[in-house]
Amino acid sequence: MGRFLTVGEASNVLPALAGMSWADVKGKCPTKKAVPMDPNAENINVTISVNGPSQTFPAVSIKKGETLLKVLQTLQSNSNFRFMSVKTAYGYILTSVMGQTMDLKSGQYWNVILNGSPISRSMYLDRIIPEDAHSYTLRLQV
C-alpha cells in the first residue's frame, strides 16, 4: 500500500495526476537538465500554506533557481512543517503533508497552487522553480 506495484500502474496513474493520459506522454523520455547553481545567486523568499490560509508557515529563503522541493525540505528542517514525496521517472511528487496522505483509490492527490491558481504545467516538485514572493498552497484534492 502507498506505492505502485507495477510499471503499468505507474504509467497510467502518474500521467492522470498531471491531467494527461499515457498517450500524451508515450514515447517522451523525461529529461532533467543539470543547471549549475550560481554561487552569487540572490536569495528569494517563498511562502507555503497547507489547505488554505489557515495553516501558513514562515517564509523560506532559498537561492534563486532552486526548486519547490528545496523550499519544502528547508521548511521541514526549520519548522514543524512535515511532508513526504516519492521519486518517479518524471520527478518528485507530493504524497503526504502534515500527516495527510493522498489516496489514489479514492481519487485524492496533492495539488500545488501558486498565488491562488493551480499549477498546470507541472506537478513535479523538482521541476517547479519559485520566484521571489511566490506563495504556494498545498491542497488535498478529490
C-alpha atoms as a PDB file:
ATOM      1  CA  MET A   1       0.000   0.000   0.000  1.00  0.00           C
ATOM      2  CA  GLY A   2       1.195   3.509  -0.763  1.00  0.00           C
ATOM      3  CA  ARG A   3       3.294   2.533  -3.756  1.00  0.00           C
ATOM      4  CA  PHE A   4       2.937   1.329  -7.301  1.00  0.00           C
ATOM      5  CA  LEU A   5       3.491  -2.391  -7.659  1.00  0.00           C
ATOM      6  CA  THR A   6       3.863  -2.494 -11.413  1.00  0.00           C
ATOM      7  CA  VAL A   7       5.090  -0.239 -14.179  1.00  0.00           C
ATOM      8  CA  GLY A   8       1.605  -0.448 -15.687  1.00  0.00           C
ATOM      9  CA  GLU A   9       0.020   1.109 -12.600  1.00  0.00           C
ATOM     10  CA  ALA A  10       2.506   3.965 -12.535  1.00  0.00           C
ATOM     11  CA  SER A  11       2.291   4.580 -16.283  1.00  0.00           C
ATOM     12  CA  ASN A  12      -1.479   5.076 -16.080  1.00  0.00           C
ATOM     13  CA  VAL A  13      -1.853   6.812 -12.724  1.00  0.00           C
ATOM     14  CA  LEU A  14       1.001   9.317 -12.760  1.00  0.00           C
ATOM     15  CA  PRO A  15       0.060  10.987 -16.066  1.00  0.00           C
ATOM     16  CA  ALA A  16      -3.566  11.128 -14.855  1.00  0.00           C
ATOM     17  CA  LEU A  17      -2.465  13.087 -11.794  1.00  0.00           C
ATOM     18  CA  ALA A  18      -0.972  15.644 -14.164  1.00  0.00           C
ATOM     19  CA  GLY A  19      -4.234  15.838 -16.136  1.00  0.00           C
ATOM     20  CA  MET A  20      -2.898  13.771 -19.042  1.00  0.00           C
ATOM     21  CA  SER A  21      -3.140  10.200 -20.298  1.00  0.00           C
ATOM     22  CA  TRP A  22      -0.406   7.711 -21.131  1.00  0.00           C
ATOM     23  CA  ALA A  23      -0.934   8.618 -24.787  1.00  0.00           C
ATOM     24  CA  ASP A  24       0.123  12.213 -24.012  1.00  0.00           C
ATOM     25  CA  VAL A  25       3.460  11.080 -22.588  1.00  0.00           C
ATOM     26  CA  LYS A  26       4.049   7.918 -24.644  1.00  0.00           C
ATOM     27  CA  GLY A  27       7.463   7.985 -26.239  1.00  0.00           C
ATOM     28  CA  LYS A  28       8.563  11.111 -24.398  1.00  0.00           C
ATOM     29  CA  CYS A  29      11.518  10.404 -22.185  1.00  0.00           C
ATOM     30  CA  PRO A  30      11.743  12.742 -19.234  1.00  0.00           C
ATOM     31  CA  THR A  31      14.826  14.895 -19.250  1.00  0.00           C
ATOM     32  CA  LYS A  32      16.195  16.991 -16.482  1.00  0.00           C
ATOM     33  CA  LYS A  33      18.835  19.496 -17.393  1.00  0.00           C
ATOM     34  CA  ALA A  34      21.503  19.931 -14.776  1.00  0.00           C
ATOM     35  CA  VAL A  35      21.799  23.640 -14.267  1.00  0.00           C
ATOM     36  CA  PRO A  36      24.696  24.591 -12.028  1.00  0.00           C
ATOM     37  CA  MET A  37      23.705  26.910  -9.208  1.00  0.00           C
ATOM     38  CA  ASP A  38      25.244  30.342  -9.399  1.00  0.00           C
ATOM     39  CA  PRO A  39      27.144  30.804  -6.102  1.00  0.00           C
ATOM     40  CA  ASN A  40      26.351  34.525  -6.342  1.00  0.00           C
ATOM     41  CA  ALA A  41      22.618  33.990  -6.913  1.00  0.00           C
ATOM     42  CA  GLU A  42      20.396  36.202  -4.845  1.00  0.00           C
ATOM     43  CA  ASN A  43      18.125  34.811  -2.163  1.00  0.00           C
ATOM     44  CA  ILE A  44      14.382  34.762  -2.699  1.00  0.00           C
ATOM     45  CA  ASN A  45      11.556  34.274  -0.191  1.00  0.00           C
ATOM     46  CA  VAL A  46       8.768  31.744  -0.722  1.00  0.00           C
ATOM     47  CA  THR A  47       5.692  31.187   1.475  1.00  0.00           C
ATOM     48  CA  ILE A  48       3.935  27.831   1.955  1.00  0.00           C
ATOM     49  CA  SER A  49       0.437  27.236   3.321  1.00  0.00           C
ATOM     50  CA  VAL A  50      -1.481  23.976   3.656  1.00  0.00           C
ATOM     51  CA  ASN A  51      -5.170  23.513   2.668  1.00  0.00           C
ATOM     52  CA  GLY A  52      -5.750  27.226   2.563  1.00  0.00           C
ATOM     53  CA  PRO A  53      -4.650  30.166   4.651  1.00  0.00           C
ATOM     54  CA  SER A  54      -5.475  28.521   7.991  1.00  0.00           C
ATOM     55  CA  GLN A  55      -2.011  26.922   8.192  1.00  0.00           C
ATOM     56  CA  THR A  56       0.638  29.279   6.853  1.00  0.00           C
ATOM     57  CA  PHE A  57       4.307  28.793   7.616  1.00  0.00           C
ATOM     58  CA  PRO A  58       7.124  31.358   7.848  1.00  0.00           C
ATOM     59  CA  ALA A  59       8.672  32.405   4.539  1.00  0.00           C
ATOM     60  CA  VAL A  60      11.603  30.280   3.400  1.00  0.00           C
ATOM     61  CA  SER A  61      14.729  31.855   1.928  1.00  0.00           C
ATOM     62  CA  ILE A  62      16.432  29.908  -0.881  1.00  0.00           C
ATOM     63  CA  LYS A  63      18.808  30.725  -3.709  1.00  0.00           C
ATOM     64  CA  LYS A  64      17.149  31.927  -6.899  1.00  0.00           C
ATOM     65  CA  GLY A  65      16.856  28.968  -9.303  1.00  0.00           C
ATOM     66  CA  GLU A  66      16.306  26.301  -6.641  1.00  0.00           C
ATOM     67  CA  THR A  67      13.187  24.131  -6.742  1.00  0.00           C
ATOM     68  CA  LEU A  68       9.969  23.883  -4.769  1.00  0.00           C
ATOM     69  CA  LEU A  69      11.315  20.571  -3.436  1.00  0.00           C
ATOM     70  CA  LYS A  70      14.216  22.505  -1.884  1.00  0.00           C
ATOM     71  CA  VAL A  71      11.748  25.004  -0.375  1.00  0.00           C
ATOM     72  CA  LEU A  72       9.786  22.175   1.275  1.00  0.00           C
ATOM     73  CA  GLN A  73      12.956  20.463   2.511  1.00  0.00           C
ATOM     74  CA  THR A  74      14.232  23.722   4.011  1.00  0.00           C
ATOM     75  CA  LEU A  75      10.869  24.455   5.629  1.00  0.00           C
ATOM     76  CA  GLN A  76      10.740  20.938   7.085  1.00  0.00           C
ATOM     77  CA  SER A  77      14.201  21.277   8.627  1.00  0.00           C
ATOM     78  CA  ASN A  78      13.407  24.700  10.149  1.00  0.00           C
ATOM     79  CA  SER A  79       9.825  24.334  11.418  1.00  0.00           C
ATOM     80  CA  ASN A  80       7.069  21.884  12.365  1.00  0.00           C
ATOM     81  CA  PHE A  81       6.081  21.523   8.682  1.00  0.00           C
ATOM     82  CA  ARG A  82       6.210  17.885   7.537  1.00  0.00           C
ATOM     83  CA  PHE A  83       5.924  16.380   4.071  1.00  0.00           C
ATOM     84  CA  MET A  84       6.800  13.242   2.141  1.00  0.00           C
ATOM     85  CA  SER A  85       7.424  12.821  -1.561  1.00  0.00           C
ATOM     86  CA  VAL A  86       8.210   9.957  -3.876  1.00  0.00           C
ATOM     87  CA  LYS A  87      10.600   9.993  -6.791  1.00  0.00           C
ATOM     88  CA  THR A  88       9.079   8.862 -10.077  1.00  0.00           C
ATOM     89  CA  ALA A  89      10.595   8.567 -13.532  1.00  0.00           C
ATOM     90  CA  TYR A  90       9.407  12.121 -14.191  1.00  0.00           C
ATOM     91  CA  GLY A  91      10.338  13.765 -10.875  1.00  0.00           C
ATOM     92  CA  TYR A  92       9.271  14.044  -7.243  1.00  0.00           C
ATOM     93  CA  ILE A  93       5.548  14.135  -6.416  1.00  0.00           C
ATOM     94  CA  LEU A  94       3.985  15.145  -3.128  1.00  0.00           C
ATOM     95  CA  THR A  95       2.439  12.205  -1.266  1.00  0.00           C
ATOM     96  CA  SER A  96       1.880  13.467   2.287  1.00  0.00           C
ATOM     97  CA  VAL A  97       1.676  16.842   4.037  1.00  0.00           C
ATOM     98  CA  MET A  98       1.277  17.323   7.777  1.00  0.00           C
ATOM     99  CA  GLY A  99       0.297  13.662   8.166  1.00  0.00           C
ATOM    100  CA  GLN A 100      -2.389  13.769   5.447  1.00  0.00           C
ATOM    101  CA  THR A 101      -1.556  11.181   2.796  1.00  0.00           C
ATOM    102  CA  MET A 102      -3.002  11.153  -0.702  1.00  0.00           C
ATOM    103  CA  ASP A 103      -5.204   8.164  -1.501  1.00  0.00           C
ATOM    104  CA  LEU A 104      -5.276   7.307  -5.178  1.00  0.00           C
ATOM    105  CA  LYS A 105      -8.028   4.728  -4.663  1.00  0.00           C
ATOM    106  CA  SER A 106     -10.427   7.469  -3.604  1.00  0.00           C
ATOM    107  CA  GLY A 107      -9.023   9.942  -6.140  1.00  0.00           C
ATOM    108  CA  GLN A 108      -7.181  12.127  -3.624  1.00  0.00           C
ATOM    109  CA  TYR A 109      -3.977  13.860  -4.665  1.00  0.00           C
ATOM    110  CA  TRP A 110      -1.941  16.857  -3.533  1.00  0.00           C
ATOM    111  CA  ASN A 111      -2.411  19.917  -5.717  1.00  0.00           C
ATOM    112  CA  VAL A 112       0.177  22.709  -5.778  1.00  0.00           C
ATOM    113  CA  ILE A 113      -1.434  26.133  -6.105  1.00  0.00           C
ATOM    114  CA  LEU A 114       0.577  29.269  -6.918  1.00  0.00           C
ATOM    115  CA  ASN A 115      -0.845  32.614  -5.828  1.00  0.00           C
ATOM    116  CA  GLY A 116      -4.400  31.194  -5.943  1.00  0.00           C
ATOM    117  CA  SER A 117      -4.141  29.332  -9.285  1.00  0.00           C
ATOM    118  CA  PRO A 118      -3.404  25.595  -9.714  1.00  0.00           C
ATOM    119  CA  ILE A 119      -0.106  24.881 -11.439  1.00  0.00           C
ATOM    120  CA  SER A 120      -0.977  23.048 -14.640  1.00  0.00           C
ATOM    121  CA  ARG A 121       2.467  22.919 -16.204  1.00  0.00           C
ATOM    122  CA  SER A 122       3.963  20.523 -13.642  1.00  0.00           C
ATOM    123  CA  MET A 123       3.096  18.547 -10.561  1.00  0.00           C
ATOM    124  CA  TYR A 124       6.708  17.556 -10.012  1.00  0.00           C
ATOM    125  CA  LEU A 125       8.300  19.375  -7.082  1.00  0.00           C
ATOM    126  CA  ASP A 126      11.783  19.325  -8.596  1.00  0.00           C
ATOM    127  CA  ARG A 127      10.548  20.993 -11.794  1.00  0.00           C
ATOM    128  CA  ILE A 128       8.795  23.949 -10.183  1.00  0.00           C
ATOM    129  CA  ILE A 129      11.153  26.924  -9.855  1.00  0.00           C
ATOM    130  CA  PRO A 130       9.750  29.565  -7.477  1.00  0.00           C
ATOM    131  CA  GLU A 131      10.255  33.281  -7.935  1.00  0.00           C
ATOM    132  CA  ASP A 132      10.641  35.842  -5.164  1.00  0.00           C
ATOM    133  CA  ALA A 133       7.489  36.409  -3.076  1.00  0.00           C
ATOM    134  CA  HIS A 134       5.651  33.427  -4.585  1.00  0.00           C
ATOM    135  CA  SER A 135       3.047  31.952  -2.266  1.00  0.00           C
ATOM    136  CA  TYR A 136       2.214  28.252  -2.681  1.00  0.00           C
ATOM    137  CA  THR A 137      -0.759  26.428  -1.179  1.00  0.00           C
ATOM    138  CA  LEU A 138      -0.673  22.644  -0.861  1.00  0.00           C
ATOM    139  CA  ARG A 139      -4.240  21.372  -1.103  1.00  0.00           C
ATOM    140  CA  LEU A 140      -5.529  17.800  -0.851  1.00  0.00           C
ATOM    141  CA  GLN A 141      -7.929  17.461  -3.804  1.00  0.00           C
ATOM    142  CA  VAL A 142     -10.513  14.821  -4.649  1.00  0.00           C
END
